[in-house]
Amino acid sequence: MAVIRGEIGRRWLTRTMANPQQALRTWAHDDRLVPVPSSGAWRVVEAPLYPSIDAMCALRASGTLGPVLASVREPLAWWLVPADEADDLADLEQLTVHPRGWVLDCPHEGIGSEGRLWLEPPDGSGRLTPAAQLDATFGPAGVTAR
């Protein structure tokens, strides 16, 4: 049986959890959110949803776009960035840098749940959005400043 891209992404996302199998079972049988702590290689940077969509368009063209989760209810987006680079974004007004261990409630990447969906799902490669690229798009001269 072949492993599909989404399954690889889910395994990557949950690999630092205490019980990744429980999270995978929840996604396989329910459309509920799973609390995933931001530990290990990535941290969460929160941004307004609509400027995030503009930023995604710019970053996708450069090949540096990592996973981005969105909520249409709040409206917010959560970017997964390298853990050792996240603090470099703390001075940007539009962004909130969450600490290590902050819990991100994640839906199954192909379904979405409770108003949340992956705009750019994790693909299992470990690719994250570099802080420098996010800084360039959300900074004073970036696409979100227009």
C-alpha atoms as a PDB file:
ATOM      1  CA  MET A   1       0.000   0.000   0.000  1.00  0.00           C
ATOM      2  CA  ALA A   2       1.460   3.356  -1.013  1.00  0.00           C
ATOM      3  CA  VAL A   3       1.772   6.165   1.513  1.00  0.00           C
ATOM      4  CA  ILE A   4       0.125   9.314   0.227  1.00  0.00           C
ATOM      5  CA  ARG A   5       1.585  12.826   0.593  1.00  0.00           C
ATOM      6  CA  GLY A   6      -0.990  13.867   3.214  1.00  0.00           C
ATOM      7  CA  GLU A   7      -0.188  10.917   5.427  1.00  0.00           C
ATOM      8  CA  ILE A   8       3.519  11.751   5.266  1.00  0.00           C
ATOM      9  CA  GLY A   9       2.724  15.355   6.199  1.00  0.00           C
ATOM     10  CA  ARG A  10       0.586  14.273   9.153  1.00  0.00           C
ATOM     11  CA  ARG A  11       3.338  11.971  10.417  1.00  0.00           C
ATOM     12  CA  TRP A  12       5.876  14.789  10.146  1.00  0.00           C
ATOM     13  CA  LEU A  13       3.591  17.235  11.976  1.00  0.00           C
ATOM     14  CA  THR A  14       2.981  14.856  14.885  1.00  0.00           C
ATOM     15  CA  ARG A  15       6.419  13.278  15.226  1.00  0.00           C
ATOM     16  CA  THR A  16       7.343  15.210  18.399  1.00  0.00           C
ATOM     17  CA  MET A  17       4.022  14.516  20.150  1.00  0.00           C
ATOM     18  CA  ALA A  18       3.871  12.199  23.159  1.00  0.00           C
ATOM     19  CA  ASN A  19       1.185  10.120  21.411  1.00  0.00           C
ATOM     20  CA  PRO A  20       1.282  10.718  17.651  1.00  0.00           C
ATOM     21  CA  GLN A  21      -0.786   7.586  16.954  1.00  0.00           C
ATOM     22  CA  GLN A  22      -3.755   9.051  18.837  1.00  0.00           C
ATOM     23  CA  ALA A  23      -3.597  12.200  16.703  1.00  0.00           C
ATOM     24  CA  LEU A  24      -3.387  10.154  13.510  1.00  0.00           C
ATOM     25  CA  ARG A  25      -6.378   8.033  14.600  1.00  0.00           C
ATOM     26  CA  THR A  26      -8.406  11.170  15.353  1.00  0.00           C
ATOM     27  CA  TRP A  27      -7.731  12.553  11.885  1.00  0.00           C
ATOM     28  CA  ALA A  28      -8.480   9.181  10.271  1.00  0.00           C
ATOM     29  CA  HIS A  29     -11.872   8.757  11.933  1.00  0.00           C
ATOM     30  CA  ASP A  30     -13.077  12.250  12.882  1.00  0.00           C
ATOM     31  CA  ASP A  31     -12.999  15.739  11.488  1.00  0.00           C
ATOM     32  CA  ARG A  32     -11.859  17.215  14.819  1.00  0.00           C
ATOM     33  CA  LEU A  33      -8.911  19.473  15.523  1.00  0.00           C
ATOM     34  CA  VAL A  34      -5.859  17.893  17.127  1.00  0.00           C
ATOM     35  CA  PRO A  35      -3.727  19.965  19.534  1.00  0.00           C
ATOM     36  CA  VAL A  36      -0.154  19.857  18.216  1.00  0.00           C
ATOM     37  CA  PRO A  37       2.548  21.510  20.352  1.00  0.00           C
ATOM     38  CA  SER A  38       5.143  23.549  18.506  1.00  0.00           C
ATOM     39  CA  SER A  39       8.201  21.746  19.709  1.00  0.00           C
ATOM     40  CA  GLY A  40      11.188  20.491  17.850  1.00  0.00           C
ATOM     41  CA  ALA A  41      12.142  22.060  14.536  1.00  0.00           C
ATOM     42  CA  TRP A  42       9.297  24.564  14.134  1.00  0.00           C
ATOM     43  CA  ARG A  43       7.462  27.332  15.928  1.00  0.00           C
ATOM     44  CA  VAL A  44       4.251  29.168  15.148  1.00  0.00           C
ATOM     45  CA  VAL A  45       4.000  32.735  13.908  1.00  0.00           C
ATOM     46  CA  GLU A  46       0.486  34.166  13.835  1.00  0.00           C
ATOM     47  CA  ALA A  47      -0.636  36.773  11.317  1.00  0.00           C
ATOM     48  CA  PRO A  48      -3.850  38.280   9.958  1.00  0.00           C
ATOM     49  CA  LEU A  49      -5.418  36.013   7.345  1.00  0.00           C
ATOM     50  CA  TYR A  50      -5.795  38.316   4.345  1.00  0.00           C
ATOM     51  CA  PRO A  51      -2.261  39.766   4.421  1.00  0.00           C
ATOM     52  CA  SER A  52      -1.063  36.172   4.842  1.00  0.00           C
ATOM     53  CA  ILE A  53      -2.738  35.185   1.590  1.00  0.00           C
ATOM     54  CA  ASP A  54      -0.887  38.010  -0.187  1.00  0.00           C
ATOM     55  CA  ALA A  55       2.362  36.888   1.448  1.00  0.00           C
ATOM     56  CA  MET A  56       1.746  33.288   0.377  1.00  0.00           C
ATOM     57  CA  CYS A  57       1.402  34.337  -3.257  1.00  0.00           C
ATOM     58  CA  ALA A  58       4.769  36.096  -3.115  1.00  0.00           C
ATOM     59  CA  LEU A  59       6.508  33.248  -1.290  1.00  0.00           C
ATOM     60  CA  ARG A  60       5.079  30.463  -3.433  1.00  0.00           C
ATOM     61  CA  ALA A  61       6.783  31.967  -6.490  1.00  0.00           C
ATOM     62  CA  SER A  62      10.130  31.934  -4.663  1.00  0.00           C
ATOM     63  CA  GLY A  63       9.773  28.301  -3.583  1.00  0.00           C
ATOM     64  CA  THR A  64      10.142  29.187   0.108  1.00  0.00           C
ATOM     65  CA  LEU A  65       6.568  28.651   1.267  1.00  0.00           C
ATOM     66  CA  GLY A  66       6.190  26.288   4.210  1.00  0.00           C
ATOM     67  CA  PRO A  67       3.016  25.101   5.962  1.00  0.00           C
ATOM     68  CA  VAL A  68       0.325  27.703   6.671  1.00  0.00           C
ATOM     69  CA  LEU A  69      -2.844  26.989   8.636  1.00  0.00           C
ATOM     70  CA  ALA A  70      -5.792  29.384   8.429  1.00  0.00           C
ATOM     71  CA  SER A  71      -8.941  30.116  10.353  1.00  0.00           C
ATOM     72  CA  VAL A  72     -11.809  31.791   8.591  1.00  0.00           C
ATOM     73  CA  ARG A  73     -13.571  32.349  11.907  1.00  0.00           C
ATOM     74  CA  GLU A  74     -10.895  34.477  13.568  1.00  0.00           C
ATOM     75  CA  PRO A  75      -9.538  35.394  10.675  1.00  0.00           C
ATOM     76  CA  LEU A  76      -5.935  34.379  11.300  1.00  0.00           C
ATOM     77  CA  ALA A  77      -3.134  32.380   9.740  1.00  0.00           C
ATOM     78  CA  TRP A  78      -0.427  30.406  11.492  1.00  0.00           C
ATOM     79  CA  TRP A  79       2.912  29.986   9.752  1.00  0.00           C
ATOM     80  CA  LEU A  80       5.339  27.205  10.645  1.00  0.00           C
ATOM     81  CA  VAL A  81       8.843  28.675  10.746  1.00  0.00           C
ATOM     82  CA  PRO A  82      12.214  27.272  11.814  1.00  0.00           C
ATOM     83  CA  ALA A  83      12.350  27.302  15.613  1.00  0.00           C
ATOM     84  CA  ASP A  84      15.748  28.990  15.729  1.00  0.00           C
ATOM     85  CA  GLU A  85      14.569  31.837  13.454  1.00  0.00           C
ATOM     86  CA  ALA A  86      11.139  32.640  14.931  1.00  0.00           C
ATOM     87  CA  ASP A  87      12.349  35.292  17.386  1.00  0.00           C
ATOM     88  CA  ASP A  88      13.749  37.293  14.463  1.00  0.00           C
ATOM     89  CA  LEU A  89      10.130  38.220  13.649  1.00  0.00           C
ATOM     90  CA  ALA A  90       9.184  39.551  17.088  1.00  0.00           C
ATOM     91  CA  ASP A  91       9.518  43.214  16.051  1.00  0.00           C
ATOM     92  CA  LEU A  92       6.994  43.049  13.216  1.00  0.00           C
ATOM     93  CA  GLU A  93       3.718  44.637  14.267  1.00  0.00           C
ATOM     94  CA  GLN A  94       1.443  42.327  12.255  1.00  0.00           C
ATOM     95  CA  LEU A  95       3.013  39.126  13.589  1.00  0.00           C
ATOM     96  CA  THR A  96       2.769  37.300  16.917  1.00  0.00           C
ATOM     97  CA  VAL A  97       5.605  34.869  17.601  1.00  0.00           C
ATOM     98  CA  HIS A  98       4.440  32.071  19.872  1.00  0.00           C
ATOM     99  CA  PRO A  99       6.844  30.354  22.294  1.00  0.00           C
ATOM    100  CA  ARG A 100       8.103  26.783  22.003  1.00  0.00           C
ATOM    101  CA  GLY A 101       5.436  24.368  23.140  1.00  0.00           C
ATOM    102  CA  TRP A 102       2.542  26.628  22.111  1.00  0.00           C
ATOM    103  CA  VAL A 103      -0.317  24.404  20.994  1.00  0.00           C
ATOM    104  CA  LEU A 104      -1.681  24.761  17.471  1.00  0.00           C
ATOM    105  CA  ASP A 105      -5.086  23.132  16.951  1.00  0.00           C
ATOM    106  CA  CYS A 106      -4.733  21.420  13.575  1.00  0.00           C
ATOM    107  CA  PRO A 107      -7.266  19.826  11.250  1.00  0.00           C
ATOM    108  CA  HIS A 108      -6.662  16.947   8.873  1.00  0.00           C
ATOM    109  CA  GLU A 109      -4.910  18.583   5.930  1.00  0.00           C
ATOM    110  CA  GLY A 110      -7.377  17.438   3.309  1.00  0.00           C
ATOM    111  CA  ILE A 111     -10.611  18.162   5.133  1.00  0.00           C
ATOM    112  CA  GLY A 112     -10.461  21.116   7.494  1.00  0.00           C
ATOM    113  CA  SER A 113     -12.492  21.418  10.660  1.00  0.00           C
ATOM    114  CA  GLU A 114     -14.138  24.048  12.830  1.00  0.00           C
ATOM    115  CA  GLY A 115     -13.333  26.806  10.356  1.00  0.00           C
ATOM    116  CA  ARG A 116      -9.644  25.848  10.050  1.00  0.00           C
ATOM    117  CA  LEU A 117      -7.890  24.537   6.972  1.00  0.00           C
ATOM    118  CA  TRP A 118      -4.375  24.196   5.663  1.00  0.00           C
ATOM    119  CA  LEU A 119      -3.689  26.756   2.942  1.00  0.00           C
ATOM    120  CA  GLU A 120      -0.291  25.097   2.479  1.00  0.00           C
ATOM    121  CA  PRO A 121      -0.250  21.715   4.212  1.00  0.00           C
ATOM    122  CA  PRO A 122       2.835  20.066   5.653  1.00  0.00           C
ATOM    123  CA  ASP A 123       4.218  17.688   3.044  1.00  0.00           C
ATOM    124  CA  GLY A 124       6.591  15.702   5.244  1.00  0.00           C
ATOM    125  CA  SER A 125       9.728  17.251   3.769  1.00  0.00           C
ATOM    126  CA  GLY A 126      10.354  19.450   6.802  1.00  0.00           C
ATOM    127  CA  ARG A 127      10.129  22.549   4.603  1.00  0.00           C
ATOM    128  CA  LEU A 128       9.328  25.630   6.694  1.00  0.00           C
ATOM    129  CA  THR A 129       8.946  29.277   5.744  1.00  0.00           C
ATOM    130  CA  PRO A 130      12.264  31.028   6.489  1.00  0.00           C
ATOM    131  CA  ALA A 131      11.890  33.945   8.908  1.00  0.00           C
ATOM    132  CA  ALA A 132      13.827  36.221   6.552  1.00  0.00           C
ATOM    133  CA  GLN A 133      11.285  35.591   3.789  1.00  0.00           C
ATOM    134  CA  LEU A 134       8.353  36.194   6.115  1.00  0.00           C
ATOM    135  CA  ASP A 135      10.050  39.367   7.365  1.00  0.00           C
ATOM    136  CA  ALA A 136      10.459  40.575   3.789  1.00  0.00           C
ATOM    137  CA  THR A 137       6.772  40.068   2.989  1.00  0.00           C
ATOM    138  CA  PHE A 138       5.358  41.491   6.253  1.00  0.00           C
ATOM    139  CA  GLY A 139       7.982  44.216   6.746  1.00  0.00           C
ATOM    140  CA  PRO A 140       7.635  47.875   5.751  1.00  0.00           C
ATOM    141  CA  ALA A 141       8.504  47.252   2.080  1.00  0.00           C
ATOM    142  CA  GLY A 142       6.714  43.915   1.800  1.00  0.00           C
ATOM    143  CA  VAL A 143       3.610  42.943  -0.135  1.00  0.00           C
ATOM    144  CA  THR A 144       1.406  43.155   2.961  1.00  0.00           C
ATOM    145  CA  ALA A 145       2.340  46.827   3.539  1.00  0.00           C
ATOM    146  CA  ARG A 146       0.590  48.056   0.405  1.00  0.00           C
END
